[in-house]
Amino acid sequence: MLRINILTVILVGVFALPIIFGAFQDFSRERIKQSLWSLLNSLEFLFGLFMAIYLTRRIFFDNNSGVFNQIYNGIPEKIRTFLYGQDVMIYIIVVPLILLLVRIILRLFTAPLFNAFGESLASGLYTLFDSMGSVVRHIIGALSQVPRAVFLVFILGLLLNFYAYYFPSPFLSRSMNQSAAYQSLYKNAVCPVLNSNIAKKIPVLVNDSFGRSMETVITDIGDSGGNSTAEQLLKQLKKNNIRVITYFNGVTLDEAIKSNSQIDETARKIVGNEQNSKKKAYLIYKWLSQNMQYDYDKAVMISKDPSGISSGSIIAFNTRKGICFDYSSLYISMCRAVGVKVRLITGLGYSGIAWGDHAWNQIYSDEESRWINVDTTFGTNGNYFDKADFNVDHRYAEVQGEW
């Protein structure tokens, strides 16, 4: 049976409608002039939007040196403190302001040029097109609307990305991840333009795999009234005081973090003579992030049926690949081997497309007397050891075990 992705249908529809209308619009000098003005407006807006997003990214996210660093430091400290780590909020507030300024500047040049040449250009095009057949005129009318269609689809992609960030929805998450059209739009437009914490293609389990795999041991899951399986699970765990939970294929936490001599020896070699607990934890984090690969095939299999799939430290160490639970389990085993206190945390992580079930760690720094967030899975795409804005793409943290 053919499965239709509603999000793909919407994206295709948004792209196609302006082109269809353009193909069948009236043919006249005035209509051509209006089309030229509309085309200029669309190009002006699209260019202004890209410039606004580019400048926002350079000022707030990529400002290590040069003029962008000076601009950032020139922003009042209270505003910088308020916006720090609030990637989506920065784009929502700053981009429209810069866009308005860029459009005002552009309009100072485009409006006089159009007033000077728009009428004559429209007349010339009318004379040219009038001598052609109706089919050619329809094609030209359709092509004139392509910039507007591209603009509308790009804006829709941004809005979907922002909405998915603030309002996690399992249905929307599945649609976004299963839509080839959205994946292409995200890869080629949204992600390169944003290029920040909210647009890092980092894997998470988007089909509530943690929650569904526990249905065999936790009854009545889904009856607690939460907004997602992950939230319902947290309430169920707290209600029943369940400390040892089952993830995949009946693996308990104790089994998942079980170590062996090879893992222990590797951990000790990694830290060497280091005695500082935080530095030891960081060395292991760095090694694991650099030597493990995310197992996309396993993630797909688990999203469909988690039974019969092995997980945990030993399988992850032997194969050098796994999903977030495997990364976290191996990190626990290695930290324990070198005397670092460590926790397993579960919650939701943001992939750049949608929120999904995720697992990470915390380690205890004896020197600083505090717990530090560590995400070895996300560490393959950036520094996620004691990251200042860690909570930007992690939510609903729940301690599932401490060693």
Protein backbone atom coordinates (compact mmCIF):
# COMPACT_ATOMS: atom_id res chain seq x y z
CA MET A 1 0.00 0.00 0.00
CA LEU A 2 1.36 3.41 -1.01
CA ARG A 3 2.11 5.59 2.01
CA ILE A 4 1.81 9.32 1.44
CA ASN A 5 3.79 11.68 3.65
CA ILE A 6 1.57 14.66 4.41
CA LEU A 7 4.55 16.96 4.93
CA THR A 8 5.92 16.10 1.48
CA VAL A 9 2.51 16.85 -0.02
CA ILE A 10 2.42 20.24 1.73
CA LEU A 11 5.93 21.18 0.61
CA VAL A 12 5.27 20.17 -2.98
CA GLY A 13 1.96 22.03 -2.91
CA VAL A 14 3.52 25.22 -1.55
CA PHE A 15 6.17 25.08 -4.27
CA ALA A 16 3.77 24.21 -7.10
CA LEU A 17 0.88 26.64 -6.45
CA PRO A 18 2.69 29.92 -7.32
CA ILE A 19 4.09 28.30 -10.47
CA ILE A 20 0.64 27.05 -11.53
CA PHE A 21 -0.90 30.49 -10.92
CA GLY A 22 1.94 32.08 -12.86
CA ALA A 23 1.33 29.79 -15.82
CA PHE A 24 -2.32 30.80 -16.15
CA GLN A 25 -2.21 34.50 -15.26
CA ASP A 26 -3.54 37.10 -17.70
CA PHE A 27 -1.16 38.25 -20.42
CA SER A 28 -0.88 42.07 -20.55
CA ARG A 29 1.66 44.85 -20.14
CA GLU A 30 0.33 45.66 -16.65
CA ARG A 31 0.43 42.01 -15.60
CA ILE A 32 4.02 41.69 -16.82
CA LYS A 33 4.95 44.83 -14.90
CA GLN A 34 3.31 43.44 -11.75
CA SER A 35 5.13 40.13 -12.26
CA LEU A 36 8.44 41.96 -12.61
CA TRP A 37 7.79 43.91 -9.41
CA SER A 38 6.73 40.72 -7.63
CA LEU A 39 9.85 38.96 -8.88
CA LEU A 40 12.03 41.85 -7.69
CA ASN A 41 10.30 41.79 -4.30
CA SER A 42 10.82 38.05 -3.92
CA LEU A 43 14.48 38.23 -4.87
CA GLU A 44 14.98 41.25 -2.63
CA PHE A 45 13.29 39.54 0.31
CA LEU A 46 15.16 36.26 -0.24
CA PHE A 47 18.51 38.04 -0.51
CA GLY A 48 17.69 40.14 2.55
CA LEU A 49 16.67 37.07 4.53
CA PHE A 50 19.86 35.19 3.68
CA MET A 51 21.92 38.25 4.59
CA ALA A 52 20.01 38.66 7.86
CA ILE A 53 20.52 35.01 8.82
CA TYR A 54 24.17 35.12 7.75
CA LEU A 55 24.87 38.25 9.80
CA THR A 56 22.98 36.84 12.79
CA ARG A 57 25.02 33.64 12.63
CA ARG A 58 28.32 35.49 12.30
CA ILE A 59 27.56 37.95 15.10
CA PHE A 60 26.12 35.50 17.64
CA PHE A 61 27.55 32.07 16.75
CA ASP A 62 30.76 32.54 14.77
CA ASN A 63 32.32 35.69 16.19
CA ASN A 64 35.77 34.57 17.31
CA SER A 65 37.56 37.53 15.78
CA GLY A 66 37.30 40.52 13.48
CA VAL A 67 34.44 42.94 12.99
CA PHE A 68 31.77 40.44 14.05
CA ASN A 69 33.46 40.00 17.40
CA GLN A 70 33.52 43.78 17.84
CA ILE A 71 29.83 44.02 16.99
CA TYR A 72 28.98 41.24 19.44
CA ASN A 73 30.99 42.85 22.23
CA GLY A 74 29.25 46.13 21.46
CA ILE A 75 25.86 44.62 22.35
CA PRO A 76 24.83 45.48 25.95
CA GLU A 77 25.91 42.75 28.34
CA LYS A 78 22.41 42.25 29.72
CA ILE A 79 21.09 41.48 26.23
CA ARG A 80 23.98 39.09 25.51
CA THR A 81 23.37 37.30 28.81
CA PHE A 82 19.64 37.02 28.10
CA LEU A 83 20.19 35.57 24.61
CA TYR A 84 23.13 33.29 25.44
CA GLY A 85 22.29 29.71 24.54
CA GLN A 86 18.85 30.70 23.22
CA ASP A 87 19.54 29.91 19.58
CA VAL A 88 15.94 29.89 18.38
CA MET A 89 15.12 33.06 20.29
CA ILE A 90 18.09 34.81 18.71
CA TYR A 91 16.87 33.99 15.22
CA ILE A 92 13.28 34.98 16.02
CA ILE A 93 14.29 38.35 17.47
CA VAL A 94 17.41 39.37 15.57
CA VAL A 95 16.76 38.13 12.02
CA PRO A 96 13.60 40.24 11.47
CA LEU A 97 15.39 43.35 12.73
CA ILE A 98 18.38 42.87 10.43
CA LEU A 99 16.07 41.86 7.58
CA LEU A 100 14.13 45.12 7.95
CA LEU A 101 17.36 47.13 7.89
CA VAL A 102 18.72 45.26 4.85
CA ARG A 103 15.45 45.70 2.93
CA ILE A 104 15.37 49.42 3.66
CA ILE A 105 18.89 49.74 2.28
CA LEU A 106 18.09 47.62 -0.77
CA ARG A 107 14.90 49.55 -1.48
CA LEU A 108 16.91 52.77 -1.74
CA PHE A 109 18.48 51.28 -4.89
CA THR A 110 15.84 48.90 -6.30
CA ALA A 111 12.85 51.28 -6.21
CA PRO A 112 14.50 54.05 -8.34
CA LEU A 113 15.84 51.44 -10.78
CA PHE A 114 12.42 49.88 -11.23
CA ASN A 115 10.75 53.27 -11.65
CA ALA A 116 13.29 54.14 -14.31
CA PHE A 117 13.31 50.90 -16.29
CA GLY A 118 10.28 48.86 -15.19
CA GLU A 119 7.78 50.32 -17.65
CA SER A 120 10.04 50.04 -20.69
CA LEU A 121 11.16 46.54 -19.71
CA ALA A 122 7.55 45.41 -19.32
CA SER A 123 6.64 46.84 -22.73
CA GLY A 124 9.62 45.18 -24.37
CA LEU A 125 8.80 41.81 -22.82
CA TYR A 126 5.15 42.14 -23.80
CA THR A 127 6.10 42.80 -27.43
CA LEU A 128 8.51 39.84 -27.37
CA PHE A 129 6.12 37.39 -25.71
CA ASP A 130 3.11 38.52 -27.75
CA SER A 131 4.74 37.17 -30.88
CA MET A 132 5.18 33.75 -29.28
CA GLY A 133 2.64 31.01 -28.89
CA SER A 134 0.39 30.66 -25.85
CA VAL A 135 2.31 27.61 -24.62
CA VAL A 136 5.57 29.57 -24.45
CA ARG A 137 3.80 32.41 -22.64
CA HIS A 138 2.43 29.95 -20.06
CA ILE A 139 5.91 28.50 -19.52
CA ILE A 140 7.46 31.94 -19.08
CA GLY A 141 4.70 32.91 -16.65
CA ALA A 142 5.37 29.76 -14.63
CA LEU A 143 9.14 30.29 -14.58
CA SER A 144 8.69 33.88 -13.37
CA GLN A 145 7.19 32.50 -10.15
CA VAL A 146 9.99 30.05 -9.34
CA PRO A 147 11.86 32.51 -7.05
CA ARG A 148 8.65 33.10 -5.07
CA ALA A 149 8.04 29.35 -4.83
CA VAL A 150 11.58 28.75 -3.57
CA PHE A 151 11.17 31.55 -1.06
CA LEU A 152 7.89 30.17 0.30
CA VAL A 153 9.28 26.63 0.67
CA PHE A 154 12.40 27.92 2.44
CA ILE A 155 10.32 30.00 4.88
CA LEU A 156 8.10 26.99 5.56
CA GLY A 157 11.21 24.89 6.26
CA LEU A 158 12.47 27.44 8.79
CA LEU A 159 9.07 27.66 10.49
CA LEU A 160 8.83 23.87 10.73
CA ASN A 161 12.32 23.70 12.23
CA PHE A 162 11.50 26.34 14.84
CA TYR A 163 8.08 24.87 15.62
CA ALA A 164 9.52 21.37 16.09
CA TYR A 165 12.07 22.82 18.50
CA TYR A 166 9.56 24.61 20.75
CA PHE A 167 6.60 22.23 20.41
CA PRO A 168 7.82 18.60 20.19
CA SER A 169 5.29 16.43 18.37
CA PRO A 170 5.81 12.70 17.67
CA PHE A 171 3.67 12.93 14.52
CA LEU A 172 5.55 15.95 13.17
CA SER A 173 8.90 14.36 14.08
CA ARG A 174 8.08 11.21 12.15
CA SER A 175 6.79 13.20 9.18
CA MET A 176 9.91 15.37 9.06
CA ASN A 177 12.26 12.41 9.30
CA GLN A 178 10.36 10.32 6.74
CA SER A 179 9.81 13.14 4.22
CA ALA A 180 12.44 13.02 1.47
CA ALA A 181 11.40 16.54 0.41
CA TYR A 182 11.95 18.00 3.88
CA GLN A 183 15.20 16.10 4.37
CA SER A 184 16.51 17.57 1.10
CA LEU A 185 15.32 21.06 2.07
CA TYR A 186 16.92 20.73 5.50
CA LYS A 187 20.22 19.40 4.17
CA ASN A 188 20.62 21.90 1.33
CA ALA A 189 19.04 25.06 2.75
CA VAL A 190 17.95 25.13 6.40
CA CYS A 191 21.00 23.52 7.99
CA PRO A 192 23.66 25.43 5.99
CA VAL A 193 21.90 28.73 6.63
CA LEU A 194 21.30 28.30 10.36
CA ASN A 195 24.47 26.32 11.16
CA SER A 196 23.98 26.50 14.93
CA ASN A 197 22.84 24.31 17.82
CA ILE A 198 19.33 24.16 16.41
CA ALA A 199 20.55 22.81 13.08
CA LYS A 200 23.06 20.09 13.82
CA LYS A 201 22.13 16.77 12.28
CA ILE A 202 22.72 14.73 15.40
CA PRO A 203 20.99 11.36 15.76
CA VAL A 204 18.20 10.78 18.26
CA LEU A 205 15.51 8.09 18.37
CA VAL A 206 12.47 9.90 17.01
CA ASN A 207 9.92 7.13 17.43
CA ASP A 208 9.78 6.94 21.24
CA SER A 209 11.91 3.80 21.17
CA PHE A 210 12.95 4.04 24.81
CA GLY A 211 9.36 4.24 25.92
CA ARG A 212 8.01 1.54 23.62
CA SER A 213 10.73 -0.92 24.56
CA MET A 214 9.71 -0.64 28.21
CA GLU A 215 6.10 -1.59 27.63
CA THR A 216 7.01 -5.20 28.41
CA VAL A 217 8.04 -4.32 31.95
CA ILE A 218 6.05 -1.16 32.68
CA THR A 219 2.32 -1.59 32.33
CA ASP A 220 -0.23 1.09 31.45
CA ILE A 221 2.39 3.30 29.85
CA GLY A 222 0.62 6.06 27.98
CA ASP A 223 -2.16 6.44 30.55
CA SER A 224 -0.48 9.16 32.60
CA GLY A 225 -1.61 12.00 30.36
CA GLY A 226 1.82 13.34 29.32
CA ASN A 227 2.56 14.93 25.97
CA SER A 228 4.94 12.20 24.81
CA THR A 229 5.95 8.69 25.67
CA ALA A 230 9.18 9.99 27.19
CA GLU A 231 7.28 12.28 29.56
CA GLN A 232 4.79 9.55 30.44
CA LEU A 233 7.70 7.23 31.17
CA LEU A 234 9.27 9.69 33.59
CA LYS A 235 6.01 10.01 35.50
CA GLN A 236 5.58 6.24 35.59
CA LEU A 237 9.11 5.69 36.88
CA LYS A 238 8.67 8.26 39.64
CA LYS A 239 5.26 6.91 40.58
CA ASN A 240 6.44 3.32 40.98
CA ASN A 241 9.97 4.16 42.17
CA ILE A 242 11.46 1.91 39.48
CA ARG A 243 15.24 2.26 39.56
CA VAL A 244 16.39 -0.60 37.31
CA ILE A 245 14.73 -0.17 33.94
CA THR A 246 14.80 -2.32 30.83
CA TYR A 247 15.81 -0.85 27.49
CA PHE A 248 16.41 -3.10 24.53
CA ASN A 249 16.02 -6.87 24.42
CA GLY A 250 15.59 -7.14 28.19
CA VAL A 251 18.94 -5.54 29.04
CA THR A 252 19.01 -4.04 32.52
CA LEU A 253 21.31 -1.18 33.38
CA ASP A 254 23.60 -3.48 35.33
CA GLU A 255 23.95 -5.75 32.31
CA ALA A 256 24.35 -2.84 29.89
CA ILE A 257 27.27 -1.28 31.75
CA LYS A 258 29.01 -4.60 32.42
CA SER A 259 32.68 -4.25 31.56
CA ASN A 260 35.60 -6.57 30.79
CA SER A 261 39.39 -6.46 31.08
CA GLN A 262 39.85 -4.94 27.62
CA ILE A 263 37.52 -2.03 28.35
CA ASP A 264 39.09 -1.39 31.75
CA GLU A 265 42.63 -1.55 30.38
CA THR A 266 41.75 0.80 27.50
CA ALA A 267 40.25 3.32 29.93
CA ARG A 268 43.35 3.27 32.12
CA LYS A 269 45.61 3.76 29.09
CA ILE A 270 43.50 6.71 27.94
CA VAL A 271 43.82 8.63 31.22
CA GLY A 272 47.43 7.62 31.88
CA ASN A 273 48.79 9.30 35.01
CA GLU A 274 46.05 11.93 35.15
CA GLN A 275 44.58 12.30 38.65
CA ASN A 276 42.05 15.11 38.12
CA SER A 277 38.58 13.53 37.88
CA LYS A 278 37.23 16.06 35.39
CA LYS A 279 40.28 15.72 33.12
CA LYS A 280 40.05 11.92 33.26
CA ALA A 281 36.39 12.10 32.31
CA TYR A 282 37.18 14.47 29.45
CA LEU A 283 39.93 12.23 28.07
CA ILE A 284 37.55 9.28 27.97
CA TYR A 285 34.82 11.46 26.44
CA LYS A 286 37.22 12.62 23.72
CA TRP A 287 38.41 9.09 22.95
CA LEU A 288 34.89 7.69 22.80
CA SER A 289 33.54 10.50 20.60
CA GLN A 290 36.42 10.04 18.17
CA ASN A 291 36.49 6.24 18.08
CA MET A 292 32.79 5.38 17.97
CA GLN A 293 30.44 5.63 15.00
CA TYR A 294 26.71 6.09 15.23
CA ASP A 295 24.88 2.96 14.08
CA TYR A 296 22.11 4.36 11.88
CA ASP A 297 20.98 0.89 10.82
CA LYS A 298 20.51 -0.12 14.46
CA ALA A 299 18.58 3.07 15.15
CA VAL A 300 16.23 2.25 12.26
CA MET A 301 15.74 -1.33 13.47
CA ILE A 302 15.07 -0.20 17.04
CA SER A 303 12.53 2.37 15.87
CA LYS A 304 10.61 -0.51 14.25
CA ASP A 305 11.15 -3.35 16.75
CA PRO A 306 13.66 -3.22 19.64
CA SER A 307 13.43 -6.93 20.46
CA GLY A 308 16.38 -9.16 19.70
CA ILE A 309 18.92 -6.33 19.42
CA SER A 310 22.02 -6.40 21.66
CA SER A 311 23.05 -3.24 23.49
CA GLY A 312 25.56 -2.15 26.10
CA SER A 313 29.23 -1.51 26.78
CA ILE A 314 30.80 -4.72 25.52
CA ILE A 315 29.00 -4.86 22.18
CA ALA A 316 29.72 -1.14 21.65
CA PHE A 317 33.42 -1.55 22.48
CA ASN A 318 33.82 -4.60 20.25
CA THR A 319 32.05 -3.14 17.22
CA ARG A 320 33.05 0.51 17.81
CA LYS A 321 29.51 1.58 16.94
CA GLY A 322 26.12 1.94 18.56
CA ILE A 323 23.28 4.27 19.42
CA CYS A 324 23.14 6.79 22.26
CA PHE A 325 22.42 4.12 24.91
CA ASP A 326 25.52 2.17 23.81
CA TYR A 327 27.69 5.31 23.89
CA SER A 328 26.45 6.15 27.37
CA SER A 329 26.86 2.61 28.70
CA LEU A 330 30.44 2.33 27.45
CA TYR A 331 31.25 5.73 28.90
CA ILE A 332 29.98 4.55 32.29
CA SER A 333 32.12 1.40 32.16
CA MET A 334 35.25 3.35 31.28
CA CYS A 335 34.66 6.02 33.92
CA ARG A 336 34.14 3.38 36.59
CA ALA A 337 37.43 1.72 35.58
CA VAL A 338 39.35 4.89 36.43
CA GLY A 339 37.40 5.88 39.54
CA VAL A 340 35.20 8.65 38.14
CA LYS A 341 31.66 8.95 39.51
CA VAL A 342 29.19 8.76 36.65
CA ARG A 343 25.46 8.76 35.93
CA LEU A 344 23.18 7.60 33.13
CA ILE A 345 20.68 10.27 32.06
CA THR A 346 17.67 9.80 29.78
CA GLY A 347 15.42 12.42 28.27
CA LEU A 348 14.87 14.13 24.95
CA GLY A 349 17.58 15.35 22.55
CA TYR A 350 17.22 17.65 19.55
CA SER A 351 18.56 16.31 16.26
CA GLY A 352 18.29 19.58 14.35
CA ILE A 353 15.04 18.29 12.89
CA ALA A 354 13.05 17.00 15.84
CA TRP A 355 13.15 16.04 19.50
CA GLY A 356 13.57 12.34 20.21
CA ASP A 357 14.45 9.85 22.95
CA HIS A 358 18.08 10.21 23.95
CA ALA A 359 20.60 9.06 26.57
CA TRP A 360 23.69 10.83 27.88
CA ASN A 361 25.82 11.04 31.03
CA GLN A 362 26.88 13.17 33.96
CA ILE A 363 30.21 12.89 35.76
CA TYR A 364 31.10 14.22 39.19
CA SER A 365 34.04 16.57 39.45
CA ASP A 366 35.66 16.08 42.85
CA GLU A 367 37.68 19.25 42.35
CA GLU A 368 34.64 21.45 41.59
CA SER A 369 32.11 19.52 43.70
CA ARG A 370 29.47 19.42 40.95
CA TRP A 371 27.90 17.15 38.35
CA ILE A 372 28.88 17.87 34.74
CA ASN A 373 26.80 17.06 31.65
CA VAL A 374 28.52 14.87 29.04
CA ASP A 375 27.09 13.67 25.72
CA THR A 376 29.47 11.38 23.87
CA THR A 377 26.97 10.81 21.04
CA PHE A 378 26.59 14.51 20.28
CA GLY A 379 30.33 14.83 20.84
CA THR A 380 30.89 13.49 17.34
CA ASN A 381 29.51 16.83 16.04
CA GLY A 382 30.86 19.33 18.56
CA ASN A 383 32.05 19.81 22.13
CA TYR A 384 29.42 18.41 24.49
CA PHE A 385 31.56 18.09 27.60
CA ASP A 386 30.45 20.63 30.23
CA LYS A 387 28.81 22.69 27.47
CA ALA A 388 27.47 26.00 28.77
CA ASP A 389 24.26 25.83 26.73
CA PHE A 390 23.80 22.07 27.06
CA ASN A 391 20.08 22.46 27.76
CA VAL A 392 19.47 24.04 24.35
CA ASP A 393 19.22 20.58 22.79
CA HIS A 394 18.58 18.40 25.86
CA ARG A 395 15.33 18.28 27.84
CA TYR A 396 13.57 16.34 30.60
CA ALA A 397 16.80 14.95 32.10
CA GLU A 398 16.19 12.04 34.46
CA VAL A 399 18.86 10.19 36.41
CA GLN A 400 18.45 6.46 35.76
CA GLY A 401 21.51 5.24 37.63
CA GLU A 402 24.60 6.44 39.49
CA TRP A 403 27.89 4.64 40.01
